[in-house]
Amino acid sequence: MAANHTTRRPGGRAAGCLQAVMVPLILIGIIAAWNHFDDDRTSSSPSSDPSSSSSDPSSDDAGAGGGRLMEGDCVDADAQEIACARAGSADYKVLGLVTTEADCPSGTTDRLKPTSANGRPPDVICATAAA
């Protein structure tokens, strides 16, 4: 019986080395893509259970603490976001995020000028007592 040399896989050390390098790289790529898309799905989807959102630091639900600062959130005296459930008498509820103090909505009792390492903060946080 004649050997069919057209269907043989390349032999030798080079093919084995190539396979040994490619398999882990493909697996790493699959894992990285999975994590990327899983992170996007969990951080952008709204939570249907408000009690679970307070423990999620990437949540954008107002008052949950963590995530993006927005109207309805609570901040401490240093203008750092906290969960409204933990806010005390020295903390504030955000009424607006504006560029000048004159733009604050009615009901504003305090105007905070934050400093933040997380991107550009608003120029003025319009707030009132949280508790």
N, C-alpha and C. Protein backbone atom coordinates (compact mmCIF):
# COMPACT_ATOMS: atom_id res chain seq x y z
N MET A 1 0.84 -1.17 0.00
CA MET A 1 0.00 0.00 0.00
C MET A 1 0.88 1.23 0.00
N ALA A 2 0.55 2.14 -0.85
CA ALA A 2 1.37 3.34 -1.01
C ALA A 2 1.01 4.35 0.06
N ALA A 3 1.99 5.05 0.56
CA ALA A 3 1.75 6.08 1.58
C ALA A 3 1.32 7.37 0.91
N ASN A 4 0.34 7.99 1.46
CA ASN A 4 -0.13 9.26 0.94
C ASN A 4 0.56 10.37 1.74
N HIS A 5 1.51 11.02 1.14
CA HIS A 5 2.29 12.04 1.84
C HIS A 5 1.61 13.40 1.84
N THR A 6 0.49 13.56 1.17
CA THR A 6 -0.17 14.87 1.10
C THR A 6 -1.01 15.17 2.33
N THR A 7 -1.36 14.17 3.11
CA THR A 7 -2.21 14.40 4.27
C THR A 7 -1.44 14.36 5.58
N ARG A 8 -0.17 14.11 5.52
CA ARG A 8 0.63 14.05 6.75
C ARG A 8 0.81 15.44 7.34
N ARG A 9 0.79 15.50 8.63
CA ARG A 9 1.11 16.75 9.31
C ARG A 9 2.61 16.95 9.30
N PRO A 10 3.04 18.20 9.32
CA PRO A 10 4.49 18.42 9.35
C PRO A 10 5.08 17.82 10.62
N GLY A 11 6.11 17.15 10.48
CA GLY A 11 6.73 16.52 11.63
C GLY A 11 7.91 17.32 12.10
N GLY A 12 8.50 16.84 13.12
CA GLY A 12 9.72 17.46 13.59
C GLY A 12 9.53 18.38 14.76
N ARG A 13 10.62 18.90 15.16
CA ARG A 13 10.68 19.72 16.36
C ARG A 13 9.99 21.07 16.18
N ALA A 14 10.07 21.67 15.02
CA ALA A 14 9.48 23.00 14.79
C ALA A 14 7.97 22.98 14.96
N ALA A 15 7.31 21.96 14.45
CA ALA A 15 5.85 21.87 14.57
C ALA A 15 5.45 21.66 16.02
N GLY A 16 6.19 20.86 16.74
CA GLY A 16 5.89 20.63 18.15
C GLY A 16 6.07 21.90 18.97
N CYS A 17 7.11 22.67 18.70
CA CYS A 17 7.34 23.92 19.41
C CYS A 17 6.26 24.94 19.09
N LEU A 18 5.87 24.98 17.82
CA LEU A 18 4.82 25.92 17.42
C LEU A 18 3.50 25.59 18.13
N GLN A 19 3.18 24.32 18.19
CA GLN A 19 1.96 23.92 18.87
C GLN A 19 2.05 24.21 20.36
N ALA A 20 3.19 24.01 20.97
CA ALA A 20 3.36 24.26 22.40
C ALA A 20 3.23 25.74 22.73
N VAL A 21 3.54 26.62 21.80
CA VAL A 21 3.43 28.05 22.03
C VAL A 21 2.02 28.55 21.69
N MET A 22 1.43 28.05 20.64
CA MET A 22 0.15 28.56 20.18
C MET A 22 -1.02 28.19 21.10
N VAL A 23 -1.04 27.01 21.63
CA VAL A 23 -2.16 26.58 22.46
C VAL A 23 -2.31 27.47 23.69
N PRO A 24 -1.26 27.74 24.47
CA PRO A 24 -1.44 28.65 25.62
C PRO A 24 -1.82 30.06 25.20
N LEU A 25 -1.28 30.55 24.09
CA LEU A 25 -1.63 31.90 23.64
C LEU A 25 -3.10 31.99 23.25
N ILE A 26 -3.62 30.97 22.60
CA ILE A 26 -5.03 30.97 22.24
C ILE A 26 -5.89 30.94 23.50
N LEU A 27 -5.52 30.12 24.46
CA LEU A 27 -6.29 30.05 25.71
C LEU A 27 -6.26 31.38 26.46
N ILE A 28 -5.11 32.03 26.51
CA ILE A 28 -5.01 33.33 27.17
C ILE A 28 -5.90 34.35 26.46
N GLY A 29 -5.92 34.33 25.14
CA GLY A 29 -6.76 35.24 24.38
C GLY A 29 -8.24 35.01 24.66
N ILE A 30 -8.65 33.76 24.75
CA ILE A 30 -10.05 33.45 25.04
C ILE A 30 -10.43 33.93 26.42
N ILE A 31 -9.57 33.70 27.41
CA ILE A 31 -9.84 34.12 28.78
C ILE A 31 -9.90 35.65 28.87
N ALA A 32 -8.97 36.33 28.22
CA ALA A 32 -8.96 37.80 28.25
C ALA A 32 -10.22 38.36 27.60
N ALA A 33 -10.63 37.80 26.48
CA ALA A 33 -11.85 38.28 25.82
C ALA A 33 -13.06 38.01 26.69
N TRP A 34 -13.12 36.86 27.33
CA TRP A 34 -14.24 36.54 28.20
C TRP A 34 -14.33 37.55 29.34
N ASN A 35 -13.20 37.83 29.99
CA ASN A 35 -13.19 38.79 31.09
C ASN A 35 -13.58 40.18 30.63
N HIS A 36 -13.12 40.59 29.46
CA HIS A 36 -13.45 41.92 28.94
C HIS A 36 -14.96 42.05 28.72
N PHE A 37 -15.55 41.09 28.05
CA PHE A 37 -16.98 41.17 27.76
C PHE A 37 -17.80 40.93 29.01
N ASP A 38 -17.33 40.12 29.94
CA ASP A 38 -18.05 39.89 31.18
C ASP A 38 -18.04 41.16 32.03
N ASP A 39 -16.92 41.89 32.08
CA ASP A 39 -16.85 43.15 32.81
C ASP A 39 -17.78 44.19 32.21
N ASP A 40 -17.85 44.28 30.89
CA ASP A 40 -18.74 45.23 30.23
C ASP A 40 -20.19 44.92 30.55
N ARG A 41 -20.54 43.65 30.55
CA ARG A 41 -21.92 43.25 30.80
C ARG A 41 -22.33 43.55 32.23
N THR A 42 -21.46 43.28 33.20
CA THR A 42 -21.83 43.49 34.60
C THR A 42 -21.79 44.95 35.00
N SER A 43 -20.95 45.76 34.37
CA SER A 43 -20.88 47.17 34.78
C SER A 43 -21.90 48.04 34.07
N SER A 44 -22.41 47.61 32.91
CA SER A 44 -23.33 48.47 32.18
C SER A 44 -24.78 48.05 32.31
N SER A 45 -25.04 46.85 32.79
CA SER A 45 -26.43 46.42 32.89
C SER A 45 -27.04 46.92 34.20
N PRO A 46 -28.26 47.45 34.13
CA PRO A 46 -28.89 47.92 35.36
C PRO A 46 -29.27 46.75 36.24
N SER A 47 -29.15 46.94 37.52
CA SER A 47 -29.48 45.89 38.47
C SER A 47 -30.96 45.91 38.78
N SER A 48 -31.58 44.74 38.78
CA SER A 48 -33.00 44.68 39.09
C SER A 48 -33.24 44.60 40.58
N ASP A 49 -32.21 44.30 41.36
CA ASP A 49 -32.34 44.19 42.81
C ASP A 49 -31.57 45.33 43.47
N PRO A 50 -32.25 46.38 43.97
CA PRO A 50 -31.54 47.52 44.53
C PRO A 50 -30.71 47.16 45.76
N SER A 51 -31.07 46.12 46.49
CA SER A 51 -30.29 45.77 47.67
C SER A 51 -28.93 45.22 47.31
N SER A 52 -28.80 44.59 46.13
CA SER A 52 -27.51 44.03 45.74
C SER A 52 -26.59 45.09 45.15
N SER A 53 -27.13 46.21 44.67
CA SER A 53 -26.30 47.22 44.02
C SER A 53 -25.44 47.98 45.01
N SER A 54 -25.81 48.00 46.29
CA SER A 54 -25.01 48.75 47.25
C SER A 54 -23.67 48.09 47.52
N SER A 55 -23.55 46.78 47.24
CA SER A 55 -22.28 46.11 47.45
C SER A 55 -21.44 46.09 46.20
N ASP A 56 -21.96 46.58 45.07
CA ASP A 56 -21.25 46.57 43.81
C ASP A 56 -20.57 47.92 43.61
N PRO A 57 -19.22 47.99 43.75
CA PRO A 57 -18.55 49.28 43.64
C PRO A 57 -18.58 49.86 42.24
N SER A 58 -18.92 49.08 41.23
CA SER A 58 -18.97 49.62 39.88
C SER A 58 -20.37 50.08 39.51
N SER A 59 -21.29 50.07 40.44
CA SER A 59 -22.67 50.41 40.17
C SER A 59 -22.83 51.90 39.89
N ASP A 60 -23.76 52.22 38.97
CA ASP A 60 -24.09 53.61 38.69
C ASP A 60 -25.43 53.99 39.30
N ASP A 61 -25.96 53.19 40.21
CA ASP A 61 -27.21 53.51 40.87
C ASP A 61 -26.99 54.62 41.88
N ALA A 62 -27.80 55.67 41.79
CA ALA A 62 -27.66 56.80 42.71
C ALA A 62 -27.85 56.33 44.14
N GLY A 63 -26.96 56.76 45.00
CA GLY A 63 -27.05 56.45 46.42
C GLY A 63 -26.40 55.16 46.84
N ALA A 64 -25.93 54.36 45.88
CA ALA A 64 -25.35 53.06 46.21
C ALA A 64 -23.91 53.17 46.70
N GLY A 65 -23.23 54.24 46.36
CA GLY A 65 -21.82 54.37 46.70
C GLY A 65 -20.98 53.70 45.63
N GLY A 66 -19.87 54.29 45.29
CA GLY A 66 -19.03 53.74 44.23
C GLY A 66 -19.58 54.09 42.87
N GLY A 67 -18.83 53.77 41.85
CA GLY A 67 -19.29 54.08 40.50
C GLY A 67 -19.10 55.55 40.17
N ARG A 68 -19.98 56.05 39.32
CA ARG A 68 -19.90 57.43 38.83
C ARG A 68 -20.72 58.33 39.74
N LEU A 69 -20.15 59.46 40.14
CA LEU A 69 -20.86 60.43 40.99
C LEU A 69 -21.99 61.05 40.19
N MET A 70 -23.20 61.05 40.77
CA MET A 70 -24.37 61.59 40.08
C MET A 70 -25.34 62.17 41.10
N GLU A 71 -26.34 62.88 40.59
CA GLU A 71 -27.37 63.45 41.47
C GLU A 71 -28.03 62.31 42.24
N GLY A 72 -28.26 62.54 43.54
CA GLY A 72 -28.86 61.51 44.38
C GLY A 72 -27.85 60.72 45.17
N ASP A 73 -26.57 60.82 44.81
CA ASP A 73 -25.51 60.14 45.56
C ASP A 73 -25.24 60.88 46.86
N CYS A 74 -24.48 60.27 47.73
CA CYS A 74 -24.05 60.91 48.97
C CYS A 74 -22.53 60.99 48.98
N VAL A 75 -22.01 62.05 49.58
CA VAL A 75 -20.57 62.26 49.69
C VAL A 75 -20.24 62.64 51.13
N ASP A 76 -18.97 62.38 51.49
CA ASP A 76 -18.53 62.78 52.82
C ASP A 76 -18.01 64.22 52.76
N ALA A 77 -17.46 64.71 53.86
CA ALA A 77 -16.99 66.09 53.93
C ALA A 77 -15.83 66.36 52.97
N ASP A 78 -15.12 65.30 52.53
CA ASP A 78 -14.02 65.45 51.57
C ASP A 78 -14.50 65.28 50.13
N ALA A 79 -15.83 65.24 49.93
CA ALA A 79 -16.45 65.08 48.61
C ALA A 79 -16.14 63.73 47.98
N GLN A 80 -15.89 62.72 48.80
CA GLN A 80 -15.69 61.35 48.31
C GLN A 80 -17.02 60.61 48.42
N GLU A 81 -17.40 59.91 47.36
CA GLU A 81 -18.69 59.24 47.34
C GLU A 81 -18.77 58.12 48.37
N ILE A 82 -19.92 58.06 49.03
CA ILE A 82 -20.21 56.99 50.00
C ILE A 82 -21.63 56.50 49.75
N ALA A 83 -21.95 55.34 50.28
CA ALA A 83 -23.32 54.83 50.17
C ALA A 83 -24.24 55.66 51.06
N CYS A 84 -25.38 56.04 50.55
CA CYS A 84 -26.31 56.87 51.33
C CYS A 84 -26.80 56.14 52.58
N ALA A 85 -26.81 54.81 52.55
CA ALA A 85 -27.23 54.04 53.73
C ALA A 85 -26.26 54.24 54.90
N ARG A 86 -25.00 54.60 54.61
CA ARG A 86 -24.00 54.83 55.65
C ARG A 86 -23.81 56.31 55.98
N ALA A 87 -24.51 57.19 55.31
CA ALA A 87 -24.31 58.64 55.49
C ALA A 87 -24.76 59.07 56.88
N GLY A 88 -23.94 59.90 57.49
CA GLY A 88 -24.26 60.44 58.80
C GLY A 88 -24.57 61.92 58.74
N SER A 89 -24.60 62.55 59.90
CA SER A 89 -24.97 63.96 59.98
C SER A 89 -23.92 64.88 59.36
N ALA A 90 -22.68 64.42 59.23
CA ALA A 90 -21.63 65.25 58.65
C ALA A 90 -21.50 65.04 57.14
N ASP A 91 -22.37 64.21 56.55
CA ASP A 91 -22.28 63.89 55.13
C ASP A 91 -23.35 64.63 54.34
N TYR A 92 -23.24 64.56 53.01
CA TYR A 92 -24.10 65.36 52.14
C TYR A 92 -24.78 64.49 51.09
N LYS A 93 -25.95 64.95 50.64
CA LYS A 93 -26.66 64.36 49.51
C LYS A 93 -26.47 65.29 48.31
N VAL A 94 -26.06 64.73 47.17
CA VAL A 94 -25.77 65.52 45.97
C VAL A 94 -27.08 65.93 45.29
N LEU A 95 -27.25 67.24 45.10
CA LEU A 95 -28.41 67.76 44.38
C LEU A 95 -28.08 68.11 42.94
N GLY A 96 -26.80 68.39 42.68
CA GLY A 96 -26.41 68.74 41.32
C GLY A 96 -24.91 68.76 41.16
N LEU A 97 -24.45 68.57 39.94
CA LEU A 97 -23.04 68.64 39.57
C LEU A 97 -22.93 69.73 38.50
N VAL A 98 -22.36 70.87 38.86
CA VAL A 98 -22.37 72.03 37.98
C VAL A 98 -20.98 72.63 37.85
N THR A 99 -20.86 73.61 36.95
CA THR A 99 -19.56 74.24 36.73
C THR A 99 -19.36 75.49 37.58
N THR A 100 -20.43 76.17 37.97
CA THR A 100 -20.30 77.35 38.83
C THR A 100 -21.28 77.25 39.98
N GLU A 101 -20.96 77.89 41.10
CA GLU A 101 -21.83 77.85 42.28
C GLU A 101 -23.20 78.46 41.98
N ALA A 102 -23.26 79.41 41.08
CA ALA A 102 -24.53 80.06 40.74
C ALA A 102 -25.49 79.10 40.04
N ASP A 103 -24.98 78.02 39.48
CA ASP A 103 -25.81 77.06 38.76
C ASP A 103 -26.45 76.02 39.67
N CYS A 104 -26.19 76.07 40.97
CA CYS A 104 -26.74 75.08 41.89
C CYS A 104 -28.27 75.20 41.96
N PRO A 105 -28.96 74.06 42.05
CA PRO A 105 -30.42 74.09 42.11
C PRO A 105 -30.92 74.61 43.46
N SER A 106 -32.20 74.96 43.51
CA SER A 106 -32.78 75.42 44.77
C SER A 106 -32.74 74.27 45.77
N GLY A 107 -32.63 74.60 47.02
CA GLY A 107 -32.50 73.59 48.07
C GLY A 107 -31.06 73.30 48.44
N THR A 108 -30.12 73.85 47.68
CA THR A 108 -28.70 73.63 47.96
C THR A 108 -28.31 74.41 49.21
N THR A 109 -27.76 73.71 50.18
CA THR A 109 -27.28 74.38 51.40
C THR A 109 -25.76 74.42 51.47
N ASP A 110 -25.10 73.53 50.74
CA ASP A 110 -23.64 73.47 50.76
C ASP A 110 -23.12 73.30 49.34
N ARG A 111 -21.98 73.93 49.09
CA ARG A 111 -21.31 73.81 47.80
C ARG A 111 -19.91 73.27 48.05
N LEU A 112 -19.61 72.11 47.49
CA LEU A 112 -18.32 71.46 47.70
C LEU A 112 -17.50 71.56 46.42
N LYS A 113 -16.21 71.80 46.58
CA LYS A 113 -15.29 71.82 45.45
C LYS A 113 -14.37 70.61 45.59
N PRO A 114 -14.67 69.55 44.84
CA PRO A 114 -13.93 68.30 45.01
C PRO A 114 -12.57 68.30 44.33
N THR A 115 -11.73 67.43 44.83
CA THR A 115 -10.49 67.07 44.16
C THR A 115 -10.53 65.57 43.99
N SER A 116 -10.20 65.08 42.81
CA SER A 116 -10.32 63.66 42.54
C SER A 116 -9.20 63.19 41.65
N ALA A 117 -8.75 61.95 41.89
CA ALA A 117 -7.76 61.33 41.03
C ALA A 117 -8.42 60.52 39.92
N ASN A 118 -9.73 60.36 39.99
CA ASN A 118 -10.47 59.56 39.02
C ASN A 118 -11.05 60.44 37.93
N GLY A 119 -10.25 60.87 37.01
CA GLY A 119 -10.75 61.71 35.93
C GLY A 119 -11.01 63.13 36.40
N ARG A 120 -11.63 63.92 35.55
CA ARG A 120 -11.92 65.31 35.89
C ARG A 120 -13.20 65.38 36.69
N PRO A 121 -13.14 65.88 37.92
CA PRO A 121 -14.35 65.99 38.75
C PRO A 121 -15.17 67.21 38.33
N PRO A 122 -16.43 67.27 38.75
CA PRO A 122 -17.20 68.49 38.49
C PRO A 122 -16.59 69.66 39.25
N ASP A 123 -16.81 70.87 38.78
CA ASP A 123 -16.24 72.03 39.44
C ASP A 123 -16.90 72.28 40.79
N VAL A 124 -18.21 72.06 40.87
CA VAL A 124 -18.95 72.30 42.12
C VAL A 124 -19.95 71.16 42.33
N ILE A 125 -20.01 70.66 43.55
CA ILE A 125 -21.03 69.69 43.93
C ILE A 125 -22.04 70.46 44.79
N CYS A 126 -23.27 70.54 44.31
CA CYS A 126 -24.34 71.20 45.05
C CYS A 126 -24.96 70.14 45.96
N ALA A 127 -25.02 70.43 47.28
CA ALA A 127 -25.45 69.40 48.20
C ALA A 127 -26.29 69.98 49.34
N THR A 128 -26.89 69.07 50.06
CA THR A 128 -27.62 69.39 51.27
C THR A 128 -27.30 68.30 52.29
N ALA A 129 -27.69 68.50 53.52
CA ALA A 129 -27.39 67.51 54.57
C ALA A 129 -28.01 66.17 54.21
N ALA A 130 -27.25 65.09 54.40
CA ALA A 130 -27.73 63.75 54.04
C ALA A 130 -28.67 63.18 55.09
N ALA A 131 -28.42 63.47 56.33
CA ALA A 131 -29.24 62.86 57.40
C ALA A 131 -30.17 63.87 58.04
